[in-house]
Amino acid sequence: MMATDAEADRLIKLEEVKRRVGLGKSMIYRLIHEGTFPAPYKVSPGASRWSNREVLAWIDDVKDGFEGKRRKI
């Protein structure tokens, strides 16, 4: 069974991850080391990519706030 476009995951480069989350490379790798940000997949010896779904899930978690409360808009 094939996934639809809405369900399909894709692998994204660090530049896109940085743009989406608003953090720099050093902070992203620090969070990975701390276990609070999704780790990249090694697609070749010189290339790493992140799961789009995992990054979006992390963004949703951060939006809930560190105390688990949604920000009031």
C-alpha atoms as a PDB file:
ATOM      1  CA  MET A   1       0.000   0.000   0.000  1.00  0.00           C
ATOM      2  CA  MET A   2       1.480   3.369  -1.028  1.00  0.00           C
ATOM      3  CA  ALA A   3       1.338   6.421   1.197  1.00  0.00           C
ATOM      4  CA  THR A   4      -0.403   9.516  -0.089  1.00  0.00           C
ATOM      5  CA  ASP A   5       1.521  12.767  -0.456  1.00  0.00           C
ATOM      6  CA  ALA A   6       0.102  14.005   2.863  1.00  0.00           C
ATOM      7  CA  GLU A   7       1.309  10.855   4.635  1.00  0.00           C
ATOM      8  CA  ALA A   8       4.647  10.528   2.862  1.00  0.00           C
ATOM      9  CA  ASP A   9       7.756  11.448   4.823  1.00  0.00           C
ATOM     10  CA  ARG A  10      10.733  13.031   3.169  1.00  0.00           C
ATOM     11  CA  LEU A  11      14.299  13.647   4.219  1.00  0.00           C
ATOM     12  CA  ILE A  12      15.396  17.263   4.540  1.00  0.00           C
ATOM     13  CA  LYS A  13      18.810  18.946   4.678  1.00  0.00           C
ATOM     14  CA  LEU A  14      20.252  20.796   7.655  1.00  0.00           C
ATOM     15  CA  GLU A  15      19.653  24.178   5.988  1.00  0.00           C
ATOM     16  CA  GLU A  16      15.927  23.462   5.814  1.00  0.00           C
ATOM     17  CA  VAL A  17      15.883  22.161   9.402  1.00  0.00           C
ATOM     18  CA  LYS A  18      17.611  25.368  10.593  1.00  0.00           C
ATOM     19  CA  ARG A  19      15.140  27.523   8.685  1.00  0.00           C
ATOM     20  CA  ARG A  20      12.124  25.653  10.060  1.00  0.00           C
ATOM     21  CA  VAL A  21      13.131  25.561  13.715  1.00  0.00           C
ATOM     22  CA  GLY A  22      14.924  28.909  13.862  1.00  0.00           C
ATOM     23  CA  LEU A  23      18.059  27.476  15.461  1.00  0.00           C
ATOM     24  CA  GLY A  24      21.674  27.297  14.330  1.00  0.00           C
ATOM     25  CA  LYS A  25      23.696  24.195  13.589  1.00  0.00           C
ATOM     26  CA  SER A  26      25.498  24.183  16.958  1.00  0.00           C
ATOM     27  CA  MET A  27      22.272  24.402  18.956  1.00  0.00           C
ATOM     28  CA  ILE A  28      20.597  21.692  16.854  1.00  0.00           C
ATOM     29  CA  TYR A  29      23.507  19.318  17.437  1.00  0.00           C
ATOM     30  CA  ARG A  30      23.571  20.192  21.158  1.00  0.00           C
ATOM     31  CA  LEU A  31      19.873  19.293  21.422  1.00  0.00           C
ATOM     32  CA  ILE A  32      20.521  16.042  19.531  1.00  0.00           C
ATOM     33  CA  HIS A  33      23.305  15.210  22.001  1.00  0.00           C
ATOM     34  CA  GLU A  34      20.926  15.958  24.899  1.00  0.00           C
ATOM     35  CA  GLY A  35      18.321  13.679  23.313  1.00  0.00           C
ATOM     36  CA  THR A  36      15.713  16.416  22.875  1.00  0.00           C
ATOM     37  CA  PHE A  37      15.878  16.844  19.075  1.00  0.00           C
ATOM     38  CA  PRO A  38      15.529  14.185  16.372  1.00  0.00           C
ATOM     39  CA  ALA A  39      18.837  12.784  15.173  1.00  0.00           C
ATOM     40  CA  PRO A  40      19.643  12.784  11.460  1.00  0.00           C
ATOM     41  CA  TYR A  41      19.817   9.718   9.249  1.00  0.00           C
ATOM     42  CA  LYS A  42      23.177   9.067   7.608  1.00  0.00           C
ATOM     43  CA  VAL A  43      22.304   8.620   3.915  1.00  0.00           C
ATOM     44  CA  SER A  44      25.925   8.436   2.762  1.00  0.00           C
ATOM     45  CA  PRO A  45      29.368   8.904   4.335  1.00  0.00           C
ATOM     46  CA  GLY A  46      29.178  12.659   3.753  1.00  0.00           C
ATOM     47  CA  ALA A  47      25.453  13.381   3.988  1.00  0.00           C
ATOM     48  CA  SER A  48      22.903  13.451   6.783  1.00  0.00           C
ATOM     49  CA  ARG A  49      19.194  14.173   6.466  1.00  0.00           C
ATOM     50  CA  TRP A  50      16.347  14.647   8.934  1.00  0.00           C
ATOM     51  CA  SER A  51      12.887  13.167   8.782  1.00  0.00           C
ATOM     52  CA  ASN A  52      10.397  15.897   7.938  1.00  0.00           C
ATOM     53  CA  ARG A  53       7.789  14.216  10.159  1.00  0.00           C
ATOM     54  CA  GLU A  54      10.141  14.042  13.148  1.00  0.00           C
ATOM     55  CA  VAL A  55      11.076  17.723  12.816  1.00  0.00           C
ATOM     56  CA  LEU A  56       7.414  18.732  12.551  1.00  0.00           C
ATOM     57  CA  ALA A  57       6.596  16.631  15.629  1.00  0.00           C
ATOM     58  CA  TRP A  58       9.409  18.364  17.550  1.00  0.00           C
ATOM     59  CA  ILE A  59       8.044  21.772  16.527  1.00  0.00           C
ATOM     60  CA  ASP A  60       4.578  20.752  17.780  1.00  0.00           C
ATOM     61  CA  ASP A  61       6.077  19.647  21.106  1.00  0.00           C
ATOM     62  CA  VAL A  62       7.910  22.960  21.514  1.00  0.00           C
ATOM     63  CA  LYS A  63       4.722  24.869  20.733  1.00  0.00           C
ATOM     64  CA  ASP A  64       3.122  23.124  23.722  1.00  0.00           C
ATOM     65  CA  GLY A  65       5.835  24.714  25.852  1.00  0.00           C
ATOM     66  CA  PHE A  66       8.310  23.190  28.204  1.00  0.00           C
ATOM     67  CA  GLU A  67       5.672  23.062  30.936  1.00  0.00           C
ATOM     68  CA  GLY A  68       3.206  21.352  28.595  1.00  0.00           C
ATOM     69  CA  LYS A  69       0.938  24.400  28.327  1.00  0.00           C
ATOM     70  CA  ARG A  70      -0.300  25.841  25.075  1.00  0.00           C
ATOM     71  CA  ARG A  71       0.476  29.493  24.594  1.00  0.00           C
ATOM     72  CA  LYS A  72      -2.612  31.683  24.720  1.00  0.00           C
ATOM     73  CA  ILE A  73      -3.106  33.545  21.463  1.00  0.00           C
END
